[in-house]
Each structure stands twice: as C-alpha cells, then as structure tokens.
C-alpha cells in the first residue's frame, strides 16, 4: 500500500504525525538526525509519501519540505502556543479519518498565528469546526447552531447562546434568562462585520471552552493541556484593553 500527499507536521514523539488524509501515524527513518529535526517541527508544510505492506500497518513516511513555517511560528508566544493547541485539537479526531476542510482551515490559521486579533478569531472558528466534526454539529442531537434563535427561529438580534443546547437565543427571548446564558461574541454573529476585539474574544474562548470540556474532555476523561491557555494569554496580552 502506498500514497503521497501534502501534509502538516503536528508533532513528533516516537512517531511522526501528519494531517492530510486525516491524522496519520507512521515511522520516519533517521527522524532524530540533525538533518531531519528542522523538518519535523510542528507547523511545517511537507510533501509526504507513506508505504506499508498492508493498509492497517503503521508504515513508513518519506518526507520532503515544502515550507519551513515552524521557524516563524517560534518567534512569538501566541504562535508558539497556538500551533501546539491546534495539534492537540486535531488529536481529538480519529486517526485516518479525513477532514479536508479542517486541513484547509489549519493552513490558514497557521499562516496568521503571528497576528493577535486575526489569530484569536481564526482559532475560535477552528474550535467550532472541530466540535462540529466531533459530532456536535447542526445534524446531531446536540447542535452548535449560532445562526438562529432556538426559541423563536429568528435570525436577528442573536445576543446569547444557551449552555444547555448550544444554540443561539435572541435578545427578547433570552433577556429573562440572561444570567444563565453565554453572551454571543459580536464577531460570531452572521450579520456582524466587526472584527474580534479583546472583549469578544474573551467571550468566545469561554464559550468554546465550555462545550469542549462538557462534550469532549470530560466524557473522555482527559485533560485539555496548557497550550490553549498559553495561546489565549499571549493573544489577549497584545490587544488593547
């Protein structure tokens, strides 16, 4: 069995991990050599081929560089933490389960991790996309639906998000329960043309953290790690109060 594709390095432990045909594990010969170590850094874009006798085998990778993006990612605290946080999110997905739209989004986020406002907004949207692909999207029993009010069906004045259903709630329907609801970050509203700021990013990070913890980390009995918090602190520190 053999295939070749473009991939992004997520990290290296005893094996290399890439994300092109889904998150894929494989062995890399001489992966700890001085020649290979600069290439096998999180965030680098590579041309990769995988070979194994049978599809279910671990297999071996052959890798050629396309973009040494990791060097730039190491220059800023936000991007350094951000690439690790993105990799941690992708490791929540089943191995070899293809998610081409997440791969495209990943490359966009990685290219903007050194821009505080853009990086924060893109990262939040990436978290929402991962939640959707993990089974918490619009067609599931639990649906993150930020496009219309859960109570009235309205698509206007969506000021809240229900922690119970993960759905938007309009201003009038949510006002009596506002203390029990999340505020809808302004930049996530479909009708909004405003960029994220410190306040709306803080609200958005709180929103996605709640649903990740409740529906992903806690049921699996895993800890989210520290990279996300480091990324959030670094991004917010560079934005005006």
C-alpha atoms as a PDB file:
ATOM      1  CA  UNK A   1       0.000   0.000   0.000  1.00  0.00           C
ATOM      2  CA  UNK A   2       1.275   3.461  -0.860  1.00  0.00           C
ATOM      3  CA  UNK A   3       0.052   7.043  -1.122  1.00  0.00           C
ATOM      4  CA  UNK A   4       1.517  10.530  -1.466  1.00  0.00           C
ATOM      5  CA  UNK A   5       0.058  13.870  -0.375  1.00  0.00           C
ATOM      6  CA  UNK A   6       0.704  17.279   1.131  1.00  0.00           C
ATOM      7  CA  UNK A   7       0.717  17.365   4.939  1.00  0.00           C
ATOM      8  CA  UNK A   8       1.344  19.499   8.014  1.00  0.00           C
ATOM      9  CA  UNK A   9       3.582  18.230  10.800  1.00  0.00           C
ATOM     10  CA  UNK A  10       1.624  18.187  14.073  1.00  0.00           C
ATOM     11  CA  UNK A  11       4.393  16.865  16.268  1.00  0.00           C
ATOM     12  CA  UNK A  12       6.977  14.181  16.772  1.00  0.00           C
ATOM     13  CA  UNK A  13       7.197  11.784  19.650  1.00  0.00           C
ATOM     14  CA  UNK A  14       8.358   8.302  18.853  1.00  0.00           C
ATOM     15  CA  UNK A  15       6.457   8.512  15.595  1.00  0.00           C
ATOM     16  CA  UNK A  16       5.657  11.361  13.223  1.00  0.00           C
ATOM     17  CA  UNK A  17       2.123  12.692  12.961  1.00  0.00           C
ATOM     18  CA  UNK A  18       0.734  14.442   9.926  1.00  0.00           C
ATOM     19  CA  UNK A  19      -2.649  15.702   8.867  1.00  0.00           C
ATOM     20  CA  UNK A  20      -3.541  15.439   5.188  1.00  0.00           C
ATOM     21  CA  UNK A  21      -5.550  12.236   4.737  1.00  0.00           C
ATOM     22  CA  UNK A  22      -6.726  12.678   8.250  1.00  0.00           C
ATOM     23  CA  UNK A  23      -4.332  12.476  11.167  1.00  0.00           C
ATOM     24  CA  UNK A  24      -1.932   9.741  10.131  1.00  0.00           C
ATOM     25  CA  UNK A  25       0.809   7.998  12.096  1.00  0.00           C
ATOM     26  CA  UNK A  26       3.937   6.475  10.628  1.00  0.00           C
ATOM     27  CA  UNK A  27       7.615   5.789  11.205  1.00  0.00           C
ATOM     28  CA  UNK A  28      10.317   8.105   9.879  1.00  0.00           C
ATOM     29  CA  UNK A  29      13.766   6.639   9.459  1.00  0.00           C
ATOM     30  CA  UNK A  30      16.538   8.778  10.998  1.00  0.00           C
ATOM     31  CA  UNK A  31      13.866  11.093  12.403  1.00  0.00           C
ATOM     32  CA  UNK A  32      16.174  12.231  15.217  1.00  0.00           C
ATOM     33  CA  UNK A  33      19.061  13.086  12.923  1.00  0.00           C
ATOM     34  CA  UNK A  34      20.346  16.667  12.593  1.00  0.00           C
ATOM     35  CA  UNK A  35      19.134  16.707   9.015  1.00  0.00           C
ATOM     36  CA  UNK A  36      15.558  15.659   9.808  1.00  0.00           C
ATOM     37  CA  UNK A  37      14.950  17.529  13.068  1.00  0.00           C
ATOM     38  CA  UNK A  38      14.485  21.007  11.482  1.00  0.00           C
ATOM     39  CA  UNK A  39      11.964  19.489   9.067  1.00  0.00           C
ATOM     40  CA  UNK A  40       9.976  17.588  11.692  1.00  0.00           C
ATOM     41  CA  UNK A  41       8.822  20.681  13.570  1.00  0.00           C
ATOM     42  CA  UNK A  42       5.119  21.435  14.230  1.00  0.00           C
ATOM     43  CA  UNK A  43       3.592  23.628  11.560  1.00  0.00           C
ATOM     44  CA  UNK A  44       5.938  22.769   8.705  1.00  0.00           C
ATOM     45  CA  UNK A  45       4.301  22.011   5.366  1.00  0.00           C
ATOM     46  CA  UNK A  46       5.712  18.906   3.700  1.00  0.00           C
ATOM     47  CA  UNK A  47       5.339  16.639   0.714  1.00  0.00           C
ATOM     48  CA  UNK A  48       4.895  13.164   2.126  1.00  0.00           C
ATOM     49  CA  UNK A  49       4.616   9.597   0.926  1.00  0.00           C
ATOM     50  CA  UNK A  50       3.539   6.637   3.037  1.00  0.00           C
ATOM     51  CA  UNK A  51       4.259   2.988   2.364  1.00  0.00           C
ATOM     52  CA  UNK A  52       3.269  -0.241   4.128  1.00  0.00           C
ATOM     53  CA  UNK A  53       2.695  -3.830   3.134  1.00  0.00           C
ATOM     54  CA  UNK A  54      -0.920  -3.670   4.354  1.00  0.00           C
ATOM     55  CA  UNK A  55      -3.190  -0.676   4.901  1.00  0.00           C
ATOM     56  CA  UNK A  56      -3.621  -1.436   8.611  1.00  0.00           C
ATOM     57  CA  UNK A  57       0.147  -1.413   9.233  1.00  0.00           C
ATOM     58  CA  UNK A  58       1.885   1.580  10.807  1.00  0.00           C
ATOM     59  CA  UNK A  59       4.027   2.092   7.718  1.00  0.00           C
ATOM     60  CA  UNK A  60       6.920   4.407   6.915  1.00  0.00           C
ATOM     61  CA  UNK A  61       7.000   8.027   5.764  1.00  0.00           C
ATOM     62  CA  UNK A  62       9.283   9.686   3.259  1.00  0.00           C
ATOM     63  CA  UNK A  63       9.220  13.467   3.627  1.00  0.00           C
ATOM     64  CA  UNK A  64      10.363  16.442   1.557  1.00  0.00           C
ATOM     65  CA  UNK A  65       9.988  20.082   2.685  1.00  0.00           C
ATOM     66  CA  UNK A  66       7.516  22.488   1.105  1.00  0.00           C
ATOM     67  CA  UNK A  67       7.569  25.298   3.691  1.00  0.00           C
ATOM     68  CA  UNK A  68       9.666  25.669   6.849  1.00  0.00           C
ATOM     69  CA  UNK A  69       6.865  27.517   8.625  1.00  0.00           C
ATOM     70  CA  UNK A  70       7.941  26.386  12.115  1.00  0.00           C
ATOM     71  CA  UNK A  71      10.793  28.901  12.294  1.00  0.00           C
ATOM     72  CA  UNK A  72       8.355  31.807  12.029  1.00  0.00           C
ATOM     73  CA  UNK A  73       5.926  30.196  14.479  1.00  0.00           C
ATOM     74  CA  UNK A  74       8.667  30.053  17.123  1.00  0.00           C
ATOM     75  CA  UNK A  75       9.195  33.827  17.044  1.00  0.00           C
ATOM     76  CA  UNK A  76       6.061  34.776  19.027  1.00  0.00           C
ATOM     77  CA  UNK A  77       4.448  33.402  22.176  1.00  0.00           C
ATOM     78  CA  UNK A  78       0.979  33.326  20.577  1.00  0.00           C
ATOM     79  CA  UNK A  79       2.106  31.320  17.546  1.00  0.00           C
ATOM     80  CA  UNK A  80       4.332  29.013  19.600  1.00  0.00           C
ATOM     81  CA  UNK A  81       1.449  28.090  21.911  1.00  0.00           C
ATOM     82  CA  UNK A  82      -1.067  28.238  19.076  1.00  0.00           C
ATOM     83  CA  UNK A  83       0.499  25.533  16.908  1.00  0.00           C
ATOM     84  CA  UNK A  84       0.613  23.197  19.908  1.00  0.00           C
ATOM     85  CA  UNK A  85      -3.029  23.965  20.766  1.00  0.00           C
ATOM     86  CA  UNK A  86      -4.114  23.287  17.179  1.00  0.00           C
ATOM     87  CA  UNK A  87      -2.278  19.964  17.170  1.00  0.00           C
ATOM     88  CA  UNK A  88      -3.965  18.995  20.450  1.00  0.00           C
ATOM     89  CA  UNK A  89      -7.381  19.713  18.926  1.00  0.00           C
ATOM     90  CA  UNK A  90      -6.644  17.594  15.865  1.00  0.00           C
ATOM     91  CA  UNK A  91      -5.516  14.691  18.039  1.00  0.00           C
ATOM     92  CA  UNK A  92      -9.096  14.513  19.304  1.00  0.00           C
ATOM     93  CA  UNK A  93     -10.131  13.270  15.853  1.00  0.00           C
ATOM     94  CA  UNK A  94      -9.899   9.583  14.954  1.00  0.00           C
ATOM     95  CA  UNK A  95      -6.721   8.592  13.141  1.00  0.00           C
ATOM     96  CA  UNK A  96      -7.047   8.279   9.343  1.00  0.00           C
ATOM     97  CA  UNK A  97     -10.431   9.988   9.377  1.00  0.00           C
ATOM     98  CA  UNK A  98     -10.257  12.608   6.584  1.00  0.00           C
ATOM     99  CA  UNK A  99     -11.352  16.173   7.303  1.00  0.00           C
ATOM    100  CA  UNK A 100     -10.230  18.176   4.235  1.00  0.00           C
ATOM    101  CA  UNK A 101     -11.939  21.394   5.321  1.00  0.00           C
ATOM    102  CA  UNK A 102     -10.093  21.263   8.670  1.00  0.00           C
ATOM    103  CA  UNK A 103      -6.826  20.776   6.815  1.00  0.00           C
ATOM    104  CA  UNK A 104      -7.529  23.872   4.719  1.00  0.00           C
ATOM    105  CA  UNK A 105      -8.517  25.836   7.826  1.00  0.00           C
ATOM    106  CA  UNK A 106      -5.398  24.637   9.653  1.00  0.00           C
ATOM    107  CA  UNK A 107      -3.108  26.096   6.996  1.00  0.00           C
ATOM    108  CA  UNK A 108      -4.964  29.418   7.094  1.00  0.00           C
ATOM    109  CA  UNK A 109      -4.733  29.639  10.897  1.00  0.00           C
ATOM    110  CA  UNK A 110      -1.037  28.697  10.899  1.00  0.00           C
ATOM    111  CA  UNK A 111      -0.303  31.447   8.371  1.00  0.00           C
ATOM    112  CA  UNK A 112      -1.925  34.057  10.660  1.00  0.00           C
ATOM    113  CA  UNK A 113      -0.847  32.942  14.139  1.00  0.00           C
ATOM    114  CA  UNK A 114       1.505  35.920  14.488  1.00  0.00           C
ATOM    115  CA  UNK A 115      -1.389  38.391  14.088  1.00  0.00           C
ATOM    116  CA  UNK A 116      -3.099  38.645  17.533  1.00  0.00           C
ATOM    117  CA  UNK A 117      -6.616  39.707  16.512  1.00  0.00           C
ATOM    118  CA  UNK A 118      -6.819  37.538  13.416  1.00  0.00           C
ATOM    119  CA  UNK A 119      -5.201  34.570  15.146  1.00  0.00           C
ATOM    120  CA  UNK A 120      -7.681  34.609  18.020  1.00  0.00           C
ATOM    121  CA  UNK A 121     -10.716  34.829  15.763  1.00  0.00           C
ATOM    122  CA  UNK A 122      -9.478  32.132  13.390  1.00  0.00           C
ATOM    123  CA  UNK A 123      -8.617  29.831  16.288  1.00  0.00           C
ATOM    124  CA  UNK A 124     -12.119  30.146  17.768  1.00  0.00           C
ATOM    125  CA  UNK A 125     -13.665  29.326  14.407  1.00  0.00           C
ATOM    126  CA  UNK A 126     -11.341  26.332  14.137  1.00  0.00           C
ATOM    127  CA  UNK A 127     -12.511  25.092  17.552  1.00  0.00           C
ATOM    128  CA  UNK A 128     -16.127  25.401  16.442  1.00  0.00           C
ATOM    129  CA  UNK A 129     -15.337  23.424  13.272  1.00  0.00           C
ATOM    130  CA  UNK A 130     -13.615  20.684  15.299  1.00  0.00           C
ATOM    131  CA  UNK A 131     -16.617  20.473  17.627  1.00  0.00           C
ATOM    132  CA  UNK A 132     -18.835  20.097  14.579  1.00  0.00           C
ATOM    133  CA  UNK A 133     -16.662  17.295  13.173  1.00  0.00           C
ATOM    134  CA  UNK A 134     -16.575  15.530  16.532  1.00  0.00           C
ATOM    135  CA  UNK A 135     -20.347  15.139  16.330  1.00  0.00           C
ATOM    136  CA  UNK A 136     -21.696  18.317  17.855  1.00  0.00           C
ATOM    137  CA  UNK A 137     -22.821  19.967  14.652  1.00  0.00           C
ATOM    138  CA  UNK A 138     -26.163  21.007  13.291  1.00  0.00           C
ATOM    139  CA  UNK A 139     -27.341  17.494  12.445  1.00  0.00           C
ATOM    140  CA  UNK A 140     -26.624  15.974  15.853  1.00  0.00           C
ATOM    141  CA  UNK A 141     -28.715  15.639  19.000  1.00  0.00           C
ATOM    142  CA  UNK A 142     -26.581  18.381  20.461  1.00  0.00           C
ATOM    143  CA  UNK A 143     -26.137  21.112  17.879  1.00  0.00           C
ATOM    144  CA  UNK A 144     -23.958  24.198  17.945  1.00  0.00           C
ATOM    145  CA  UNK A 145     -26.269  26.445  15.986  1.00  0.00           C
ATOM    146  CA  UNK A 146     -25.328  30.110  16.183  1.00  0.00           C
ATOM    147  CA  UNK A 147     -27.388  31.137  13.145  1.00  0.00           C
ATOM    148  CA  UNK A 148     -30.939  31.230  14.505  1.00  0.00           C
ATOM    149  CA  UNK A 149     -32.782  31.517  17.793  1.00  0.00           C
ATOM    150  CA  UNK A 150     -33.585  28.199  19.477  1.00  0.00           C
ATOM    151  CA  UNK A 151     -36.819  29.646  20.889  1.00  0.00           C
ATOM    152  CA  UNK A 152     -38.246  31.692  18.018  1.00  0.00           C
ATOM    153  CA  UNK A 153     -36.328  30.683  14.885  1.00  0.00           C
ATOM    154  CA  UNK A 154     -35.373  34.312  14.345  1.00  0.00           C
ATOM    155  CA  UNK A 155     -32.020  35.160  12.739  1.00  0.00           C
ATOM    156  CA  UNK A 156     -31.985  38.711  14.076  1.00  0.00           C
ATOM    157  CA  UNK A 157     -30.624  40.151  17.342  1.00  0.00           C
ATOM    158  CA  UNK A 158     -28.932  36.919  18.411  1.00  0.00           C
ATOM    159  CA  UNK A 159     -27.327  38.090  21.651  1.00  0.00           C
ATOM    160  CA  UNK A 160     -26.996  34.864  23.644  1.00  0.00           C
ATOM    161  CA  UNK A 161     -26.001  31.207  23.433  1.00  0.00           C
ATOM    162  CA  UNK A 162     -27.661  28.516  25.520  1.00  0.00           C
ATOM    163  CA  UNK A 163     -25.160  26.405  27.510  1.00  0.00           C
ATOM    164  CA  UNK A 164     -27.708  23.628  27.549  1.00  0.00           C
ATOM    165  CA  UNK A 165     -28.441  23.289  23.834  1.00  0.00           C
ATOM    166  CA  UNK A 166     -25.514  25.091  22.230  1.00  0.00           C
ATOM    167  CA  UNK A 167     -27.934  27.177  20.187  1.00  0.00           C
ATOM    168  CA  UNK A 168     -28.314  30.919  19.736  1.00  0.00           C
ATOM    169  CA  UNK A 169     -31.013  32.811  21.625  1.00  0.00           C
ATOM    170  CA  UNK A 170     -32.437  36.144  20.501  1.00  0.00           C
ATOM    171  CA  UNK A 171     -32.347  39.279  22.637  1.00  0.00           C
ATOM    172  CA  UNK A 172     -36.043  39.266  23.542  1.00  0.00           C
ATOM    173  CA  UNK A 173     -36.254  35.515  24.202  1.00  0.00           C
ATOM    174  CA  UNK A 174     -33.061  35.442  26.256  1.00  0.00           C
ATOM    175  CA  UNK A 175     -33.405  38.626  28.280  1.00  0.00           C
ATOM    176  CA  UNK A 176     -35.284  36.998  31.206  1.00  0.00           C
ATOM    177  CA  UNK A 177     -32.581  34.295  31.416  1.00  0.00           C
ATOM    178  CA  UNK A 178     -29.515  36.354  30.533  1.00  0.00           C
ATOM    179  CA  UNK A 179     -27.705  35.443  33.755  1.00  0.00           C
ATOM    180  CA  UNK A 180     -27.791  31.769  32.746  1.00  0.00           C
ATOM    181  CA  UNK A 181     -26.760  32.272  29.125  1.00  0.00           C
ATOM    182  CA  UNK A 182     -23.481  32.973  27.352  1.00  0.00           C
ATOM    183  CA  UNK A 183     -23.134  36.289  25.609  1.00  0.00           C
ATOM    184  CA  UNK A 184     -22.888  35.830  21.846  1.00  0.00           C
ATOM    185  CA  UNK A 185     -19.497  37.194  20.731  1.00  0.00           C
ATOM    186  CA  UNK A 186     -20.167  40.013  18.297  1.00  0.00           C
ATOM    187  CA  UNK A 187     -17.825  38.719  15.591  1.00  0.00           C
ATOM    188  CA  UNK A 188     -19.597  35.328  15.534  1.00  0.00           C
ATOM    189  CA  UNK A 189     -22.931  36.860  14.614  1.00  0.00           C
ATOM    190  CA  UNK A 190     -23.790  36.130  10.994  1.00  0.00           C
ATOM    191  CA  UNK A 191     -24.852  39.725  10.369  1.00  0.00           C
ATOM    192  CA  UNK A 192     -21.788  41.289  12.017  1.00  0.00           C
ATOM    193  CA  UNK A 193     -18.978  42.910  10.063  1.00  0.00           C
ATOM    194  CA  UNK A 194     -16.951  43.725  13.148  1.00  0.00           C
ATOM    195  CA  UNK A 195     -13.573  42.151  13.790  1.00  0.00           C
ATOM    196  CA  UNK A 196     -12.910  40.460  17.094  1.00  0.00           C
ATOM    197  CA  UNK A 197     -11.613  42.562  19.977  1.00  0.00           C
ATOM    198  CA  UNK A 198     -10.370  41.667  23.454  1.00  0.00           C
ATOM    199  CA  UNK A 199     -13.845  41.515  24.997  1.00  0.00           C
ATOM    200  CA  UNK A 200     -15.481  39.455  22.247  1.00  0.00           C
ATOM    201  CA  UNK A 201     -12.500  37.068  22.048  1.00  0.00           C
ATOM    202  CA  UNK A 202     -12.654  36.503  25.805  1.00  0.00           C
ATOM    203  CA  UNK A 203     -16.367  35.658  25.467  1.00  0.00           C
ATOM    204  CA  UNK A 204     -15.672  33.348  22.516  1.00  0.00           C
ATOM    205  CA  UNK A 205     -12.848  31.466  24.255  1.00  0.00           C
ATOM    206  CA  UNK A 206     -15.108  30.977  27.286  1.00  0.00           C
ATOM    207  CA  UNK A 207     -17.894  29.682  25.036  1.00  0.00           C
ATOM    208  CA  UNK A 208     -15.824  27.114  23.143  1.00  0.00           C
ATOM    209  CA  UNK A 209     -14.005  26.002  26.303  1.00  0.00           C
ATOM    210  CA  UNK A 210     -17.333  25.191  27.940  1.00  0.00           C
ATOM    211  CA  UNK A 211     -18.525  22.960  25.103  1.00  0.00           C
ATOM    212  CA  UNK A 212     -15.136  21.317  24.618  1.00  0.00           C
ATOM    213  CA  UNK A 213     -14.949  20.494  28.328  1.00  0.00           C
ATOM    214  CA  UNK A 214     -18.552  19.328  28.634  1.00  0.00           C
ATOM    215  CA  UNK A 215     -18.784  17.259  25.458  1.00  0.00           C
ATOM    216  CA  UNK A 216     -15.205  16.205  24.694  1.00  0.00           C
ATOM    217  CA  UNK A 217     -12.686  16.356  27.539  1.00  0.00           C
ATOM    218  CA  UNK A 218     -14.866  15.332  30.485  1.00  0.00           C
ATOM    219  CA  UNK A 219     -16.604  12.369  28.753  1.00  0.00           C
ATOM    220  CA  UNK A 220     -13.211  11.075  27.610  1.00  0.00           C
ATOM    221  CA  UNK A 221     -11.583  11.674  30.965  1.00  0.00           C
ATOM    222  CA  UNK A 222      -8.713  13.696  29.500  1.00  0.00           C
ATOM    223  CA  UNK A 223      -7.062  16.986  30.405  1.00  0.00           C
ATOM    224  CA  UNK A 224      -7.035  19.764  27.792  1.00  0.00           C
ATOM    225  CA  UNK A 225      -3.382  20.666  28.356  1.00  0.00           C
ATOM    226  CA  UNK A 226      -1.815  24.095  28.791  1.00  0.00           C
ATOM    227  CA  UNK A 227      -1.129  25.192  25.206  1.00  0.00           C
ATOM    228  CA  UNK A 228      -4.588  26.694  24.696  1.00  0.00           C
ATOM    229  CA  UNK A 229      -4.356  28.819  27.838  1.00  0.00           C
ATOM    230  CA  UNK A 230      -0.889  29.975  26.850  1.00  0.00           C
ATOM    231  CA  UNK A 231      -2.186  30.950  23.414  1.00  0.00           C
ATOM    232  CA  UNK A 232      -5.145  32.857  24.878  1.00  0.00           C
ATOM    233  CA  UNK A 233      -2.954  34.773  27.318  1.00  0.00           C
ATOM    234  CA  UNK A 234      -0.485  35.695  24.594  1.00  0.00           C
ATOM    235  CA  UNK A 235      -3.195  36.856  22.173  1.00  0.00           C
ATOM    236  CA  UNK A 236      -5.142  38.902  24.718  1.00  0.00           C
ATOM    237  CA  UNK A 237      -1.953  40.492  26.071  1.00  0.00           C
ATOM    238  CA  UNK A 238      -1.308  42.083  22.669  1.00  0.00           C
ATOM    239  CA  UNK A 239      -4.802  43.532  22.276  1.00  0.00           C
ATOM    240  CA  UNK A 240      -5.893  46.890  23.711  1.00  0.00           C
ATOM    241  CA  UNK A 241      -7.986  46.668  26.892  1.00  0.00           C
END
